[in-house]
N, C-alpha and C. Protein backbone atom coordinates (compact mmCIF):
# COMPACT_ATOMS: atom_id res chain seq x y z
N MET A 1 26.70 2.67 -24.27
CA MET A 1 25.35 3.04 -23.84
C MET A 1 24.68 3.74 -25.01
N SER A 2 23.41 3.41 -25.23
CA SER A 2 22.71 4.04 -26.41
C SER A 2 22.10 5.32 -26.00
N LYS A 3 21.96 6.21 -27.00
CA LYS A 3 21.29 7.49 -26.78
C LYS A 3 19.79 7.31 -26.89
N PRO A 4 18.99 8.08 -26.22
CA PRO A 4 17.48 7.96 -26.34
C PRO A 4 16.98 8.05 -27.75
N ALA A 5 17.66 8.81 -28.58
CA ALA A 5 17.25 8.91 -29.97
C ALA A 5 17.46 7.62 -30.76
N ASP A 6 18.40 6.76 -30.27
CA ASP A 6 18.60 5.49 -30.94
C ASP A 6 17.47 4.51 -30.62
N ASN A 7 16.60 4.78 -29.67
CA ASN A 7 15.59 3.81 -29.22
C ASN A 7 14.27 4.01 -30.01
N GLY A 8 14.26 4.66 -31.13
CA GLY A 8 13.06 4.71 -31.98
C GLY A 8 12.38 6.02 -32.05
N GLY A 9 12.96 7.11 -31.49
CA GLY A 9 12.26 8.41 -31.64
C GLY A 9 13.04 9.44 -30.93
N PRO A 10 12.61 10.67 -31.11
CA PRO A 10 13.29 11.79 -30.44
C PRO A 10 13.16 11.66 -28.93
N PRO A 11 14.06 12.26 -28.17
CA PRO A 11 13.98 12.14 -26.72
C PRO A 11 12.70 12.67 -26.12
N GLU A 12 12.11 13.75 -26.71
CA GLU A 12 10.91 14.26 -26.24
C GLU A 12 9.75 13.22 -26.29
N ALA A 13 9.65 12.56 -27.40
CA ALA A 13 8.61 11.60 -27.63
C ALA A 13 8.80 10.41 -26.61
N LEU A 14 10.06 10.01 -26.45
CA LEU A 14 10.28 8.93 -25.51
C LEU A 14 9.93 9.36 -24.08
N ALA A 15 10.25 10.59 -23.74
CA ALA A 15 9.90 11.15 -22.45
C ALA A 15 8.41 11.16 -22.20
N PHE A 16 7.65 11.64 -23.22
CA PHE A 16 6.23 11.67 -23.12
C PHE A 16 5.59 10.34 -23.00
N ASP A 17 6.18 9.35 -23.78
CA ASP A 17 5.64 7.95 -23.55
C ASP A 17 5.88 7.44 -22.19
N ALA A 18 7.09 7.73 -21.65
CA ALA A 18 7.30 7.27 -20.25
C ALA A 18 6.37 7.99 -19.25
N LEU A 19 6.18 9.29 -19.51
CA LEU A 19 5.28 10.08 -18.62
C LEU A 19 3.85 9.49 -18.73
N GLU A 20 3.41 9.24 -19.97
CA GLU A 20 2.03 8.65 -20.18
C GLU A 20 1.86 7.36 -19.41
N ARG A 21 2.91 6.48 -19.50
CA ARG A 21 2.82 5.22 -18.79
C ARG A 21 2.74 5.42 -17.24
N ALA A 22 3.53 6.27 -16.78
CA ALA A 22 3.58 6.66 -15.38
C ALA A 22 2.19 7.07 -14.89
N VAL A 23 1.62 8.03 -15.65
CA VAL A 23 0.36 8.61 -15.26
C VAL A 23 -0.73 7.57 -15.32
N THR A 24 -0.71 6.74 -16.36
CA THR A 24 -1.71 5.63 -16.48
C THR A 24 -1.61 4.70 -15.26
N GLN A 25 -0.35 4.31 -14.92
CA GLN A 25 -0.16 3.51 -13.74
C GLN A 25 -0.65 4.15 -12.43
N ALA A 26 -0.42 5.41 -12.34
CA ALA A 26 -0.82 6.16 -11.15
C ALA A 26 -2.38 6.18 -11.07
N LEU A 27 -3.07 6.48 -12.23
CA LEU A 27 -4.50 6.49 -12.27
C LEU A 27 -5.12 5.12 -11.92
N GLU A 28 -4.47 4.06 -12.43
CA GLU A 28 -4.94 2.75 -12.09
C GLU A 28 -4.78 2.41 -10.61
N HIS A 29 -3.66 2.81 -10.07
CA HIS A 29 -3.49 2.64 -8.61
C HIS A 29 -4.46 3.43 -7.80
N LEU A 30 -4.73 4.65 -8.18
CA LEU A 30 -5.67 5.53 -7.55
C LEU A 30 -7.06 4.93 -7.62
N GLU A 31 -7.45 4.38 -8.78
CA GLU A 31 -8.73 3.72 -8.93
C GLU A 31 -8.91 2.50 -7.99
N ALA A 32 -7.87 1.72 -7.96
CA ALA A 32 -7.88 0.54 -7.09
C ALA A 32 -7.96 0.92 -5.60
N MET A 33 -7.30 1.98 -5.21
CA MET A 33 -7.37 2.48 -3.87
C MET A 33 -8.78 2.98 -3.48
N GLU A 34 -9.37 3.70 -4.43
CA GLU A 34 -10.73 4.19 -4.19
C GLU A 34 -11.78 3.09 -4.07
N GLU A 35 -11.55 1.98 -4.78
CA GLU A 35 -12.37 0.83 -4.61
C GLU A 35 -12.24 0.14 -3.28
N ARG A 36 -10.93 0.06 -2.86
CA ARG A 36 -10.69 -0.54 -1.49
C ARG A 36 -11.30 0.38 -0.42
N ILE A 37 -11.18 1.71 -0.59
CA ILE A 37 -11.78 2.59 0.40
C ILE A 37 -13.21 2.45 0.54
N ALA A 38 -13.91 2.34 -0.64
CA ALA A 38 -15.33 2.29 -0.68
C ALA A 38 -15.78 0.89 -0.02
N ALA A 39 -15.05 -0.17 -0.32
CA ALA A 39 -15.36 -1.47 0.31
C ALA A 39 -15.14 -1.45 1.78
N THR A 40 -14.10 -0.80 2.24
CA THR A 40 -13.79 -0.69 3.68
C THR A 40 -14.84 0.09 4.37
N GLU A 41 -15.25 1.22 3.80
CA GLU A 41 -16.28 2.05 4.40
C GLU A 41 -17.66 1.31 4.55
N ALA A 42 -17.98 0.58 3.45
CA ALA A 42 -19.18 -0.21 3.53
C ALA A 42 -19.14 -1.31 4.57
N ARG A 43 -17.97 -1.93 4.71
CA ARG A 43 -17.82 -2.89 5.75
C ARG A 43 -17.91 -2.37 7.14
N ASN A 44 -17.32 -1.12 7.35
CA ASN A 44 -17.39 -0.43 8.64
C ASN A 44 -18.84 -0.14 8.96
N VAL A 45 -19.61 0.27 8.06
CA VAL A 45 -21.00 0.63 8.33
C VAL A 45 -21.73 -0.63 8.74
N GLU A 46 -21.54 -1.65 8.00
CA GLU A 46 -22.21 -2.95 8.29
C GLU A 46 -21.78 -3.45 9.66
N LEU A 47 -20.47 -3.46 9.99
CA LEU A 47 -19.98 -3.81 11.25
C LEU A 47 -20.60 -3.03 12.37
N GLY A 48 -20.67 -1.69 12.17
CA GLY A 48 -21.21 -0.84 13.19
C GLY A 48 -22.71 -1.23 13.50
N GLU A 49 -23.48 -1.51 12.43
CA GLU A 49 -24.81 -1.91 12.70
C GLU A 49 -24.91 -3.22 13.43
N VAL A 50 -24.05 -4.19 13.14
CA VAL A 50 -24.07 -5.44 13.87
C VAL A 50 -23.72 -5.26 15.30
N VAL A 51 -22.72 -4.47 15.58
CA VAL A 51 -22.25 -4.22 16.96
C VAL A 51 -23.37 -3.56 17.74
N ARG A 52 -24.00 -2.55 17.11
CA ARG A 52 -25.09 -1.84 17.81
C ARG A 52 -26.26 -2.78 18.07
N ARG A 53 -26.53 -3.75 17.26
CA ARG A 53 -27.61 -4.67 17.47
C ARG A 53 -27.37 -5.55 18.62
N PHE A 54 -26.08 -5.90 18.84
CA PHE A 54 -25.78 -6.90 19.90
C PHE A 54 -25.32 -6.29 21.18
N THR A 55 -25.32 -4.97 21.29
CA THR A 55 -24.93 -4.30 22.59
C THR A 55 -26.18 -3.48 22.98
N ALA A 56 -26.51 -3.54 24.22
CA ALA A 56 -27.66 -2.81 24.78
C ALA A 56 -27.31 -1.35 24.94
N ASP A 57 -26.03 -1.03 25.16
CA ASP A 57 -25.62 0.34 25.45
C ASP A 57 -24.98 0.94 24.19
N PRO A 58 -25.55 1.98 23.59
CA PRO A 58 -25.00 2.57 22.37
C PRO A 58 -23.58 3.15 22.72
N GLY A 59 -23.35 3.61 23.87
CA GLY A 59 -21.99 4.10 24.21
C GLY A 59 -20.95 2.98 24.18
N GLU A 60 -21.38 1.78 24.65
CA GLU A 60 -20.50 0.66 24.57
C GLU A 60 -20.13 0.23 23.11
N ALA A 61 -21.19 0.27 22.27
CA ALA A 61 -20.99 -0.05 20.86
C ALA A 61 -20.00 0.87 20.23
N ASP A 62 -20.12 2.22 20.59
CA ASP A 62 -19.20 3.20 20.06
C ASP A 62 -17.79 2.95 20.56
N ARG A 63 -17.62 2.55 21.81
CA ARG A 63 -16.27 2.22 22.37
C ARG A 63 -15.68 1.06 21.62
N ILE A 64 -16.45 0.02 21.42
CA ILE A 64 -16.05 -1.20 20.75
C ILE A 64 -15.59 -0.86 19.32
N LEU A 65 -16.36 -0.04 18.65
CA LEU A 65 -16.01 0.34 17.21
C LEU A 65 -14.80 1.22 17.19
N SER A 66 -14.66 2.10 18.18
CA SER A 66 -13.46 2.95 18.31
C SER A 66 -12.24 2.15 18.48
N ARG A 67 -12.31 1.20 19.44
CA ARG A 67 -11.11 0.33 19.77
C ARG A 67 -10.79 -0.52 18.49
N LEU A 68 -11.86 -1.00 17.86
CA LEU A 68 -11.58 -1.82 16.66
C LEU A 68 -10.81 -1.00 15.61
N GLY A 69 -11.21 0.27 15.42
CA GLY A 69 -10.47 1.13 14.52
C GLY A 69 -9.03 1.34 14.89
N GLU A 70 -8.81 1.53 16.23
CA GLU A 70 -7.44 1.70 16.71
C GLU A 70 -6.64 0.44 16.41
N LEU A 71 -7.22 -0.70 16.68
CA LEU A 71 -6.53 -1.98 16.43
C LEU A 71 -6.23 -2.23 14.96
N GLU A 72 -7.10 -1.82 14.08
CA GLU A 72 -6.91 -1.95 12.63
C GLU A 72 -5.72 -1.04 12.18
N GLU A 73 -5.70 0.19 12.74
CA GLU A 73 -4.61 1.08 12.45
C GLU A 73 -3.25 0.53 12.95
N GLU A 74 -3.28 0.03 14.19
CA GLU A 74 -2.10 -0.60 14.76
C GLU A 74 -1.61 -1.76 13.94
N ASN A 75 -2.54 -2.58 13.49
CA ASN A 75 -2.22 -3.78 12.60
C ASN A 75 -1.55 -3.30 11.31
N GLU A 76 -2.12 -2.25 10.69
CA GLU A 76 -1.53 -1.74 9.42
C GLU A 76 -0.11 -1.22 9.71
N ASP A 77 0.04 -0.57 10.84
CA ASP A 77 1.41 -0.03 11.24
C ASP A 77 2.36 -1.22 11.46
N LEU A 78 1.90 -2.25 12.10
CA LEU A 78 2.80 -3.42 12.35
C LEU A 78 3.18 -4.13 11.04
N LYS A 79 2.18 -4.26 10.17
CA LYS A 79 2.43 -4.83 8.81
C LYS A 79 3.52 -4.03 8.05
N ARG A 80 3.42 -2.66 8.08
CA ARG A 80 4.35 -1.86 7.44
C ARG A 80 5.74 -2.03 8.01
N ARG A 81 5.82 -2.12 9.39
CA ARG A 81 7.11 -2.25 10.05
C ARG A 81 7.71 -3.61 9.69
N LEU A 82 6.86 -4.60 9.59
CA LEU A 82 7.33 -5.92 9.31
C LEU A 82 7.88 -6.02 7.84
N THR A 83 7.23 -5.37 6.98
CA THR A 83 7.65 -5.29 5.59
C THR A 83 9.03 -4.52 5.51
N GLU A 84 9.14 -3.44 6.17
CA GLU A 84 10.40 -2.71 6.27
C GLU A 84 11.48 -3.52 6.87
N GLY A 85 11.19 -4.29 7.91
CA GLY A 85 12.16 -5.12 8.57
C GLY A 85 12.66 -6.17 7.58
N ARG A 86 11.75 -6.74 6.87
CA ARG A 86 12.07 -7.86 5.87
C ARG A 86 12.96 -7.30 4.79
N GLU A 87 12.62 -6.08 4.32
CA GLU A 87 13.49 -5.44 3.31
C GLU A 87 14.86 -5.13 3.81
N GLY A 88 14.94 -4.73 5.06
CA GLY A 88 16.26 -4.51 5.70
C GLY A 88 17.06 -5.80 5.85
N VAL A 89 16.45 -6.90 6.19
CA VAL A 89 17.12 -8.19 6.29
C VAL A 89 17.58 -8.58 4.87
N ASP A 90 16.75 -8.41 3.93
CA ASP A 90 17.07 -8.75 2.57
C ASP A 90 18.34 -8.02 2.05
N ARG A 91 18.39 -6.70 2.39
CA ARG A 91 19.57 -5.90 1.99
C ARG A 91 20.80 -6.41 2.71
N ILE A 92 20.69 -6.74 3.99
CA ILE A 92 21.86 -7.23 4.73
C ILE A 92 22.29 -8.60 4.15
N LEU A 93 21.34 -9.47 3.82
CA LEU A 93 21.66 -10.79 3.26
C LEU A 93 22.35 -10.61 1.86
N ALA A 94 21.88 -9.63 1.10
CA ALA A 94 22.46 -9.37 -0.23
C ALA A 94 23.95 -8.87 -0.02
N LYS A 95 24.17 -8.01 0.99
CA LYS A 95 25.58 -7.56 1.18
C LYS A 95 26.49 -8.75 1.69
N ILE A 96 25.92 -9.59 2.50
CA ILE A 96 26.67 -10.75 3.02
C ILE A 96 27.02 -11.67 1.83
N ARG A 97 26.05 -11.91 0.96
CA ARG A 97 26.30 -12.80 -0.28
C ARG A 97 27.33 -12.13 -1.15
N PHE A 98 27.25 -10.77 -1.31
CA PHE A 98 28.29 -10.11 -2.15
C PHE A 98 29.62 -10.28 -1.51
N LEU A 99 29.74 -10.07 -0.26
CA LEU A 99 31.04 -10.18 0.40
C LEU A 99 31.59 -11.63 0.36
N GLU A 100 30.71 -12.58 0.51
CA GLU A 100 31.17 -14.01 0.40
C GLU A 100 31.63 -14.36 -0.94
N ASN A 101 31.01 -13.79 -2.00
CA ASN A 101 31.39 -14.08 -3.37
C ASN A 101 32.65 -13.39 -3.73
N HIS A 102 33.06 -12.31 -3.06
CA HIS A 102 34.23 -11.57 -3.43
C HIS A 102 35.36 -11.65 -2.47
N GLU A 103 35.40 -12.77 -1.74
CA GLU A 103 36.55 -12.95 -0.82
C GLU A 103 37.70 -13.54 -1.52
């Protein structure tokens, strides 16, 4: 196994390079999330205006929009659970394959 100093510089410089890459990636991710949030907020405002135009009762429009928000949150939760489930299945399959190859 090589030492960090063997990879082209002192360990501190390598650590700072790794830190800089991590911070850059985090900032890029944050910027992407801010863009998604702004787009979602704009879409919600537009959707709210459309719902209010097509319902005679402002209270009903608010209930529809509230329920829509709940359904969107539930959908995101279900997507997250599905992803976690898939990851669990992938881990189990990897263990099975490992055991099959080492019998």
